[in-house]
């Protein structure tokens, strides 16, 4: 409500845990917070206050969630409610946008559509559940939007393993230019003690540690490749300078539109897979990927999904025809069930070496690839969660379905993989070429 001609009262009383955040002077902030502690409400009000106090004209502020619909479900009602005393006109329900009386604007976005954010400027952004976003969106999309007006950013969320959100928190802990805050349920006192006791009883220890105690070490719930990725790291198979062997470098593709396309570049050495590169060019066309693959000198086969022979709506040509037009050598992978592809990837990961630097984004996608969760039935669905990690994981799955068909050079692998002796007869049989049904 309006108190007088100069002061406006917003009906928000910050919780004690968030007062240090509101009082900060740092440009960059990261908040790791337990569930139901009120982080979204605090950050929405931070957007409103900062927008109203901004001396620059035409201030532009944004709340960004992993998905556009998620932003609407989580933050839209809060934004309209708390900004009501300072609104200029009605909220725009289509664009999820409000205009304030001083000319500033706050809008909700989804990280699943980064192109909508390109070409604009921002004075301040909140990135909510940053652990669920494509790691590239910060450096390639959001950070440039803040440059000319020296805008600020806050990363908030709950841990999902040691991914890009962990990296931001680690930076916030050591960089004096950053504000860092970790809010554990056992320390904030926001949730009733009995409620936490019951939550511990209803959840696995890993779930509770992640969701309420903000543990980055807890296993990612429903991760398909969590054990395999941890094993690869422990065994030293994520190497900063993985050497190529004699012979061509092959590519495994998952097709999408622009940012959704993913490519793994690899070689085969005996029973070992050497993965040298991961390519994802956000916002680019199929032809741009082809030029990039040729530029990097990957002249082997291109293993592509079964739908590559379907004509493109835009050009009328199939992906196969376009690949051949760029002197590529496409090989169709036979149609198969998703479960078969995931199983092949799990087996293949046990004998794979990666270039840890050039494949960093793809490796994070493999760690994050997980089952979808049915919150109503409280069970995992039988299908993967479709998010930014899906296409890189699918491309790796296609590679896993195909690599044993390649005639491997005789060069020895980087090191013996002793863990292969732990495979069962059934697992070894599934990994044999008989099930690699090429077209």
Protein backbone atom coordinates (compact mmCIF):
# COMPACT_ATOMS: atom_id res chain seq x y z
CA UNK A 1 0.00 0.00 0.00
CA UNK A 2 1.08 3.61 -0.51
CA UNK A 3 2.02 5.34 2.76
CA UNK A 4 2.69 8.80 1.30
CA UNK A 5 4.02 10.42 -1.86
CA UNK A 6 7.56 9.14 -1.33
CA UNK A 7 7.31 5.84 0.49
CA UNK A 8 5.76 2.54 -0.52
CA UNK A 9 5.22 -0.40 1.81
CA UNK A 10 5.67 -3.87 0.30
CA UNK A 11 4.13 -6.60 2.41
CA UNK A 12 7.32 -8.62 2.84
CA UNK A 13 9.03 -9.37 6.13
CA UNK A 14 12.36 -11.09 5.40
CA UNK A 15 13.25 -14.17 7.36
CA UNK A 16 16.32 -13.78 9.53
CA UNK A 17 18.29 -16.21 7.38
CA UNK A 18 17.97 -13.93 4.33
CA UNK A 19 18.80 -10.58 5.93
CA UNK A 20 22.54 -10.94 5.14
CA UNK A 21 21.61 -11.47 1.49
CA UNK A 22 19.42 -8.36 1.35
CA UNK A 23 22.17 -6.32 3.06
CA UNK A 24 25.01 -7.45 0.79
CA UNK A 25 26.99 -5.11 -1.44
CA UNK A 26 28.42 -7.81 -3.74
CA UNK A 27 27.51 -7.91 -7.40
CA UNK A 28 27.43 -11.72 -7.55
CA UNK A 29 25.65 -13.99 -5.07
CA UNK A 30 25.01 -17.69 -4.58
CA UNK A 31 22.54 -19.17 -2.10
CA UNK A 32 22.38 -22.90 -1.38
CA UNK A 33 19.17 -23.39 0.54
CA UNK A 34 17.11 -26.24 1.94
CA UNK A 35 13.61 -26.92 0.71
CA UNK A 36 10.80 -24.66 1.93
CA UNK A 37 13.09 -22.07 3.44
CA UNK A 38 11.64 -19.23 1.33
CA UNK A 39 14.46 -18.58 -1.12
CA UNK A 40 12.15 -17.79 -4.05
CA UNK A 41 10.10 -15.30 -2.03
CA UNK A 42 13.27 -13.60 -0.80
CA UNK A 43 14.73 -13.32 -4.30
CA UNK A 44 11.49 -12.09 -5.90
CA UNK A 45 11.37 -9.30 -3.34
CA UNK A 46 15.04 -8.56 -3.97
CA UNK A 47 14.18 -8.08 -7.65
CA UNK A 48 11.31 -5.74 -6.83
CA UNK A 49 13.26 -3.57 -4.39
CA UNK A 50 16.34 -3.36 -6.61
CA UNK A 51 14.19 -2.48 -9.62
CA UNK A 52 12.42 0.30 -7.70
CA UNK A 53 15.67 1.75 -6.34
CA UNK A 54 17.54 1.59 -9.64
CA UNK A 55 18.63 5.05 -10.78
CA UNK A 56 19.08 3.90 -14.38
CA UNK A 57 16.18 4.41 -16.76
CA UNK A 58 14.22 1.47 -18.21
CA UNK A 59 15.56 -1.08 -15.74
CA UNK A 60 15.25 -4.69 -16.86
CA UNK A 61 15.19 -7.56 -14.38
CA UNK A 62 14.51 -11.27 -14.72
CA UNK A 63 13.71 -14.38 -12.74
CA UNK A 64 14.88 -17.46 -14.65
CA UNK A 65 13.87 -21.04 -13.86
CA UNK A 66 14.99 -24.21 -15.68
CA UNK A 67 11.64 -24.33 -17.52
CA UNK A 68 9.27 -21.51 -18.50
CA UNK A 69 6.25 -23.32 -17.05
CA UNK A 70 8.23 -23.91 -13.88
CA UNK A 71 8.92 -20.17 -13.57
CA UNK A 72 5.20 -19.52 -13.86
CA UNK A 73 4.24 -22.15 -11.29
CA UNK A 74 6.90 -21.15 -8.76
CA UNK A 75 7.28 -17.39 -8.98
CA UNK A 76 4.50 -15.67 -10.93
CA UNK A 77 1.98 -15.48 -8.08
CA UNK A 78 4.67 -14.18 -5.71
CA UNK A 79 5.78 -11.52 -8.17
CA UNK A 80 2.26 -10.19 -8.71
CA UNK A 81 1.45 -10.27 -5.00
CA UNK A 82 4.49 -8.47 -3.65
CA UNK A 83 4.80 -5.96 -6.52
CA UNK A 84 1.12 -4.93 -6.38
CA UNK A 85 1.75 -1.56 -4.62
CA UNK A 86 4.26 -0.47 -7.27
CA UNK A 87 2.66 -1.77 -10.46
CA UNK A 88 2.04 0.40 -13.49
CA UNK A 89 -0.94 -1.23 -15.13
CA UNK A 90 -2.01 -4.86 -15.05
CA UNK A 91 0.48 -7.76 -15.14
CA UNK A 92 1.04 -9.23 -18.59
CA UNK A 93 -0.17 -12.82 -18.16
CA UNK A 94 1.09 -13.93 -21.58
CA UNK A 95 4.67 -12.71 -21.22
CA UNK A 96 4.77 -13.17 -17.41
CA UNK A 97 5.88 -9.54 -17.12
CA UNK A 98 5.17 -6.66 -14.79
CA UNK A 99 5.92 -2.97 -15.34
CA UNK A 100 6.69 -0.79 -12.33
CA UNK A 101 5.77 2.84 -11.72
CA UNK A 102 9.38 3.99 -12.26
CA UNK A 103 9.57 2.42 -15.71
CA UNK A 104 11.46 -0.70 -14.65
CA UNK A 105 10.31 -4.12 -15.81
CA UNK A 106 10.54 -7.61 -14.29
CA UNK A 107 9.93 -10.69 -16.41
CA UNK A 108 9.98 -14.45 -15.93
CA UNK A 109 11.93 -16.71 -18.31
CA UNK A 110 12.80 -20.35 -18.77
CA UNK A 111 16.35 -21.54 -19.37
CA UNK A 112 14.89 -24.12 -21.77
CA UNK A 113 14.47 -21.33 -24.35
CA UNK A 114 17.76 -19.40 -24.24
CA UNK A 115 17.11 -17.73 -27.61
CA UNK A 116 14.37 -15.63 -26.02
CA UNK A 117 17.05 -14.03 -23.83
CA UNK A 118 19.48 -13.15 -26.60
CA UNK A 119 19.85 -9.59 -27.81
CA UNK A 120 18.47 -7.91 -24.69
CA UNK A 121 20.10 -6.29 -21.66
CA UNK A 122 19.62 -7.00 -17.98
CA UNK A 123 20.26 -5.04 -14.80
CA UNK A 124 19.73 -7.98 -12.48
CA UNK A 125 18.79 -11.66 -12.70
CA UNK A 126 17.84 -14.49 -10.38
CA UNK A 127 18.72 -17.99 -11.61
CA UNK A 128 16.57 -20.39 -9.58
CA UNK A 129 17.42 -24.12 -9.39
CA UNK A 130 20.59 -23.40 -11.32
CA UNK A 131 21.71 -27.01 -10.82
CA UNK A 132 18.99 -28.08 -13.28
CA UNK A 133 20.02 -25.69 -16.05
CA UNK A 134 22.32 -26.24 -18.99
CA UNK A 135 25.74 -25.18 -17.64
CA UNK A 136 26.44 -23.15 -20.78
CA UNK A 137 23.56 -20.72 -20.28
CA UNK A 138 25.48 -18.53 -17.84
CA UNK A 139 28.62 -17.91 -19.89
CA UNK A 140 27.03 -17.95 -23.34
CA UNK A 141 23.73 -16.21 -22.70
CA UNK A 142 23.18 -14.56 -19.31
CA UNK A 143 26.57 -13.07 -18.45
CA UNK A 144 26.84 -11.04 -21.69
CA UNK A 145 23.41 -9.49 -21.02
CA UNK A 146 24.73 -7.93 -17.82
CA UNK A 147 27.92 -6.43 -19.24
CA UNK A 148 27.09 -2.95 -20.54
CA UNK A 149 24.93 -1.91 -17.57
CA UNK A 150 27.02 -3.80 -15.01
CA UNK A 151 24.06 -5.86 -13.87
CA UNK A 152 24.06 -8.29 -10.95
CA UNK A 153 23.14 -11.97 -10.63
CA UNK A 154 22.08 -14.36 -7.88
CA UNK A 155 22.24 -18.16 -8.21
CA UNK A 156 19.92 -20.08 -5.91
CA UNK A 157 18.93 -23.69 -5.52
CA UNK A 158 19.38 -27.04 -3.82
CA UNK A 159 22.38 -29.27 -4.62
CA UNK A 160 22.21 -31.86 -7.39
CA UNK A 161 25.71 -33.29 -7.13
CA UNK A 162 28.97 -31.53 -7.93
CA UNK A 163 27.79 -29.75 -11.04
CA UNK A 164 27.85 -26.11 -12.20
CA UNK A 165 25.91 -24.98 -9.13
CA UNK A 166 28.61 -26.50 -6.93
CA UNK A 167 31.23 -24.64 -8.96
CA UNK A 168 29.39 -21.35 -8.37
CA UNK A 169 29.12 -22.02 -4.65
CA UNK A 170 32.82 -22.94 -4.43
CA UNK A 171 33.66 -19.69 -6.20
CA UNK A 172 31.42 -17.75 -3.85
CA UNK A 173 33.23 -19.25 -0.86
CA UNK A 174 36.65 -18.08 -2.04
CA UNK A 175 36.09 -14.94 -4.16
CA UNK A 176 35.81 -11.69 -2.20
CA UNK A 177 33.64 -10.22 -4.96
CA UNK A 178 30.95 -12.82 -4.28
CA UNK A 179 28.36 -13.23 -1.53
CA UNK A 180 27.84 -16.85 -0.47
CA UNK A 181 25.20 -18.34 1.81
CA UNK A 182 24.36 -21.94 2.73
CA UNK A 183 21.13 -22.55 4.64
CA UNK A 184 20.81 -26.02 6.21
CA UNK A 185 17.50 -27.05 7.74
CA UNK A 186 19.28 -28.17 10.92
CA UNK A 187 20.64 -24.62 11.38
CA UNK A 188 17.99 -22.17 10.14
CA UNK A 189 15.15 -23.18 12.45
CA UNK A 190 12.66 -22.35 9.67
CA UNK A 191 11.08 -25.80 9.61
CA UNK A 192 9.60 -27.44 12.68
CA UNK A 193 11.92 -30.00 14.32
CA UNK A 194 9.23 -32.69 14.28
CA UNK A 195 8.67 -32.12 10.57
CA UNK A 196 12.36 -32.75 9.92
CA UNK A 197 12.25 -35.94 11.96
CA UNK A 198 9.32 -37.19 9.90
CA UNK A 199 11.04 -36.17 6.67
CA UNK A 200 14.10 -38.19 7.64
CA UNK A 201 11.84 -41.18 8.24
CA UNK A 202 10.12 -40.83 4.86
CA UNK A 203 13.23 -40.15 2.74
CA UNK A 204 16.44 -42.02 2.01
CA UNK A 205 19.52 -40.66 3.80
CA UNK A 206 20.84 -39.38 0.46
CA UNK A 207 17.58 -37.60 -0.31
CA UNK A 208 17.44 -35.95 3.09
CA UNK A 209 21.08 -34.85 2.99
CA UNK A 210 20.60 -33.29 -0.44
CA UNK A 211 17.23 -31.64 0.04
CA UNK A 212 17.44 -30.46 3.66
CA UNK A 213 21.13 -30.42 4.59
CA UNK A 214 22.39 -29.02 1.26
CA UNK A 215 24.88 -31.80 0.60
CA UNK A 216 26.67 -31.68 -2.75
CA UNK A 217 28.10 -35.13 -2.07
CA UNK A 218 24.77 -36.96 -1.90
CA UNK A 219 24.01 -39.14 -4.91
CA UNK A 220 21.75 -37.56 -7.55
CA UNK A 221 18.30 -39.05 -7.14
CA UNK A 222 17.51 -41.42 -10.00
CA UNK A 223 20.78 -40.85 -11.89
CA UNK A 224 21.29 -43.49 -14.57
CA UNK A 225 25.07 -43.20 -14.72
CA UNK A 226 26.00 -41.97 -11.24
CA UNK A 227 27.92 -45.10 -10.25
CA UNK A 228 29.66 -45.38 -13.61
CA UNK A 229 30.74 -41.73 -13.64
CA UNK A 230 32.07 -41.92 -10.07
CA UNK A 231 33.95 -45.07 -11.00
CA UNK A 232 35.48 -43.41 -14.07
CA UNK A 233 36.70 -40.52 -11.94
CA UNK A 234 38.15 -42.78 -9.24
CA UNK A 235 39.98 -44.89 -11.82
CA UNK A 236 41.53 -41.87 -13.51
CA UNK A 237 39.67 -42.28 -16.80
CA UNK A 238 38.79 -38.57 -16.97
CA UNK A 239 42.09 -37.27 -18.28
CA UNK A 240 43.01 -33.64 -19.12
CA UNK A 241 45.13 -34.64 -22.13
CA UNK A 242 43.74 -37.83 -23.58
CA UNK A 243 45.93 -38.77 -26.55
CA UNK A 244 44.60 -39.76 -29.92
CA UNK A 245 45.66 -42.99 -31.55
CA UNK A 246 46.27 -43.61 -35.23
CA UNK A 247 43.11 -43.65 -37.30
CA UNK A 248 40.06 -41.46 -37.86
CA UNK A 249 37.90 -39.88 -35.19
CA UNK A 250 34.24 -40.89 -35.41
CA UNK A 251 31.17 -38.93 -34.30
CA UNK A 252 27.93 -39.94 -32.60
CA UNK A 253 25.04 -37.51 -33.03
CA UNK A 254 21.75 -36.68 -31.39
CA UNK A 255 19.70 -34.34 -33.55
CA UNK A 256 17.71 -31.41 -32.26
CA UNK A 257 17.14 -27.79 -33.04
CA UNK A 258 20.11 -25.54 -32.39
CA UNK A 259 21.04 -25.80 -28.72
CA UNK A 260 19.50 -29.28 -28.46
CA UNK A 261 21.99 -30.95 -30.81
CA UNK A 262 24.87 -32.94 -29.31
CA UNK A 263 27.94 -34.74 -30.71
CA UNK A 264 30.56 -37.01 -29.14
CA UNK A 265 33.85 -37.50 -31.03
CA UNK A 266 35.60 -40.80 -30.30
CA UNK A 267 38.03 -43.54 -31.28
CA UNK A 268 38.14 -47.24 -30.50
CA UNK A 269 41.22 -48.95 -29.13
CA UNK A 270 40.68 -52.67 -28.62
CA UNK A 271 37.92 -53.01 -26.03
CA UNK A 272 38.33 -49.40 -24.93
CA UNK A 273 36.50 -46.30 -26.06
CA UNK A 274 38.47 -43.05 -26.24
CA UNK A 275 36.19 -40.01 -26.19
CA UNK A 276 38.08 -36.91 -27.30
CA UNK A 277 35.47 -34.19 -27.66
CA UNK A 278 31.92 -33.06 -27.01
CA UNK A 279 30.28 -30.48 -29.26
CA UNK A 280 27.20 -28.41 -28.52
CA UNK A 281 26.84 -25.05 -30.27
CA UNK A 282 23.95 -23.27 -28.60
CA UNK A 283 21.65 -21.56 -31.06
CA UNK A 284 23.28 -22.86 -34.25
CA UNK A 285 21.94 -24.71 -37.30
CA UNK A 286 22.68 -28.27 -38.43
CA UNK A 287 25.00 -27.00 -41.17
CA UNK A 288 27.02 -25.09 -38.55
CA UNK A 289 27.60 -28.32 -36.66
CA UNK A 290 28.73 -30.03 -39.86
CA UNK A 291 31.18 -27.23 -40.59
CA UNK A 292 32.50 -27.43 -37.03
CA UNK A 293 33.02 -31.20 -37.18
CA UNK A 294 34.90 -30.84 -40.48
CA UNK A 295 36.91 -27.96 -39.05
CA UNK A 296 38.04 -30.13 -36.13
CA UNK A 297 39.21 -32.83 -38.51
CA UNK A 298 36.87 -35.62 -37.45
CA UNK A 299 36.77 -37.66 -40.65
CA UNK A 300 35.44 -41.00 -39.43
CA UNK A 301 31.89 -42.35 -39.54
CA UNK A 302 28.91 -40.38 -38.29
CA UNK A 303 26.62 -42.58 -36.19
CA UNK A 304 23.15 -41.07 -36.29
CA UNK A 305 19.71 -42.03 -34.91
CA UNK A 306 17.11 -43.81 -36.95
CA UNK A 307 15.09 -40.64 -37.64
CA UNK A 308 17.98 -39.20 -39.68
CA UNK A 309 16.30 -40.59 -42.79
CA UNK A 310 13.14 -38.53 -42.20
CA UNK A 311 12.93 -35.43 -44.45
CA UNK A 312 13.42 -32.11 -42.69
CA UNK A 313 10.36 -29.83 -42.55
CA UNK A 314 12.53 -26.80 -43.35
CA UNK A 315 14.54 -28.14 -46.31
CA UNK A 316 12.74 -31.26 -47.51
CA UNK A 317 16.07 -33.12 -47.36
CA UNK A 318 16.95 -35.85 -44.90
CA UNK A 319 19.76 -35.46 -42.40
CA UNK A 320 21.51 -38.28 -44.24
CA UNK A 321 21.47 -36.29 -47.48
CA UNK A 322 22.74 -33.18 -45.71
CA UNK A 323 25.56 -35.13 -44.05
CA UNK A 324 26.66 -36.55 -47.38
CA UNK A 325 26.55 -33.07 -48.89
CA UNK A 326 29.30 -32.13 -46.42
CA UNK A 327 31.37 -35.21 -47.35
CA UNK A 328 30.41 -36.98 -44.15
CA UNK A 329 29.92 -40.76 -43.83
CA UNK A 330 26.64 -41.35 -42.00
CA UNK A 331 25.70 -44.73 -40.51
CA UNK A 332 22.15 -45.30 -39.27
CA UNK A 333 21.73 -46.91 -35.88
CA UNK A 334 18.83 -49.35 -35.82
CA UNK A 335 15.68 -48.34 -34.02
CA UNK A 336 15.68 -49.58 -30.43
CA UNK A 337 14.13 -49.11 -27.01
CA UNK A 338 15.36 -46.38 -24.69
CA UNK A 339 16.12 -48.98 -22.01
CA UNK A 340 18.45 -50.79 -24.41
CA UNK A 341 20.32 -47.57 -25.14
CA UNK A 342 20.70 -46.78 -21.45
CA UNK A 343 21.91 -50.30 -20.71
CA UNK A 344 24.45 -50.09 -23.52
CA UNK A 345 25.69 -46.75 -22.18
CA UNK A 346 26.07 -48.14 -18.66
CA UNK A 347 28.19 -51.03 -19.95
CA UNK A 348 30.20 -48.79 -22.26
CA UNK A 349 30.98 -46.22 -19.57
CA UNK A 350 32.90 -48.91 -17.67
CA UNK A 351 35.47 -49.10 -20.44
CA UNK A 352 35.58 -45.48 -21.60
CA UNK A 353 38.27 -42.81 -21.25
CA UNK A 354 37.37 -39.12 -21.65
CA UNK A 355 39.24 -35.93 -22.34
CA UNK A 356 38.10 -34.18 -19.17
CA UNK A 357 38.62 -30.68 -20.57
CA UNK A 358 37.02 -30.84 -24.01
CA UNK A 359 34.21 -33.10 -22.78
CA UNK A 360 33.44 -31.19 -19.55
CA UNK A 361 29.92 -30.11 -20.53
CA UNK A 362 29.03 -33.55 -21.85
CA UNK A 363 30.38 -35.26 -18.74
CA UNK A 364 28.18 -33.09 -16.55
CA UNK A 365 25.18 -34.04 -18.67
CA UNK A 366 25.96 -37.73 -18.13
CA UNK A 367 26.11 -37.15 -14.38
CA UNK A 368 22.78 -35.30 -14.42
CA UNK A 369 20.85 -37.68 -16.72
CA UNK A 370 18.19 -39.25 -14.53
CA UNK A 371 14.77 -40.81 -14.29
CA UNK A 372 11.69 -38.63 -14.20
CA UNK A 373 9.92 -38.47 -10.85
CA UNK A 374 6.17 -38.74 -10.35
CA UNK A 375 5.57 -36.43 -7.39
CA UNK A 376 1.96 -37.58 -6.96
CA UNK A 377 2.59 -41.32 -7.01
CA UNK A 378 6.00 -40.82 -5.30
CA UNK A 379 7.72 -43.23 -7.66
CA UNK A 380 10.18 -42.95 -10.53
CA UNK A 381 8.64 -43.05 -13.97
CA UNK A 382 9.91 -45.57 -16.50
CA UNK A 383 11.22 -42.80 -18.73
CA UNK A 384 14.13 -40.35 -18.41
CA UNK A 385 13.56 -36.77 -17.33
CA UNK A 386 13.65 -34.64 -20.46
CA UNK A 387 15.87 -31.65 -19.78
CA UNK A 388 19.15 -30.11 -21.00
CA UNK A 389 21.04 -33.34 -20.21
CA UNK A 390 18.86 -35.53 -22.42
CA UNK A 391 20.45 -34.85 -25.82
CA UNK A 392 24.08 -35.30 -24.72
CA UNK A 393 23.09 -38.50 -22.92
CA UNK A 394 21.17 -39.77 -25.95
CA UNK A 395 24.14 -39.08 -28.22
CA UNK A 396 26.38 -41.07 -25.87
CA UNK A 397 23.80 -43.86 -25.92
CA UNK A 398 23.92 -43.97 -29.71
CA UNK A 399 27.70 -44.17 -29.53
CA UNK A 400 27.36 -47.03 -27.04
CA UNK A 401 25.09 -48.89 -29.45
CA UNK A 402 27.58 -48.52 -32.31
CA UNK A 403 31.20 -48.48 -31.22
CA UNK A 404 31.82 -52.23 -31.06
CA UNK A 405 31.07 -52.49 -34.78
CA UNK A 406 34.09 -50.34 -35.60
CA UNK A 407 37.27 -52.11 -36.64
CA UNK A 408 39.59 -50.93 -33.90
CA UNK A 409 43.28 -50.11 -34.38
CA UNK A 410 45.69 -52.47 -32.68
CA UNK A 411 47.12 -49.81 -30.36
CA UNK A 412 46.89 -50.69 -26.69
CA UNK A 413 44.37 -48.85 -24.52
CA UNK A 414 45.66 -46.22 -22.06
CA UNK A 415 45.51 -48.70 -19.15
CA UNK A 416 43.93 -52.08 -18.34
CA UNK A 417 40.41 -51.93 -16.98
CA UNK A 418 40.51 -54.45 -14.15
CA UNK A 419 36.86 -53.90 -13.26
CA UNK A 420 35.72 -55.71 -16.42
CA UNK A 421 36.18 -58.95 -14.56
CA UNK A 422 33.19 -58.03 -12.43
CA UNK A 423 30.77 -58.21 -15.38
CA UNK A 424 28.29 -61.07 -15.40
CA UNK A 425 27.96 -63.47 -18.34
CA UNK A 426 24.64 -61.80 -19.23
CA UNK A 427 26.23 -58.35 -19.25
CA UNK A 428 29.09 -59.52 -21.42
CA UNK A 429 26.63 -61.11 -23.84
CA UNK A 430 24.60 -57.90 -24.06
CA UNK A 431 27.77 -55.98 -24.86
CA UNK A 432 28.70 -58.20 -27.80
CA UNK A 433 28.31 -57.09 -31.44
CA UNK A 434 25.38 -59.43 -32.07
CA UNK A 435 23.00 -56.88 -30.56
CA UNK A 436 24.45 -53.94 -32.49
CA UNK A 437 21.95 -54.08 -35.32
CA UNK A 438 22.96 -51.52 -37.96
CA UNK A 439 20.86 -50.60 -40.94
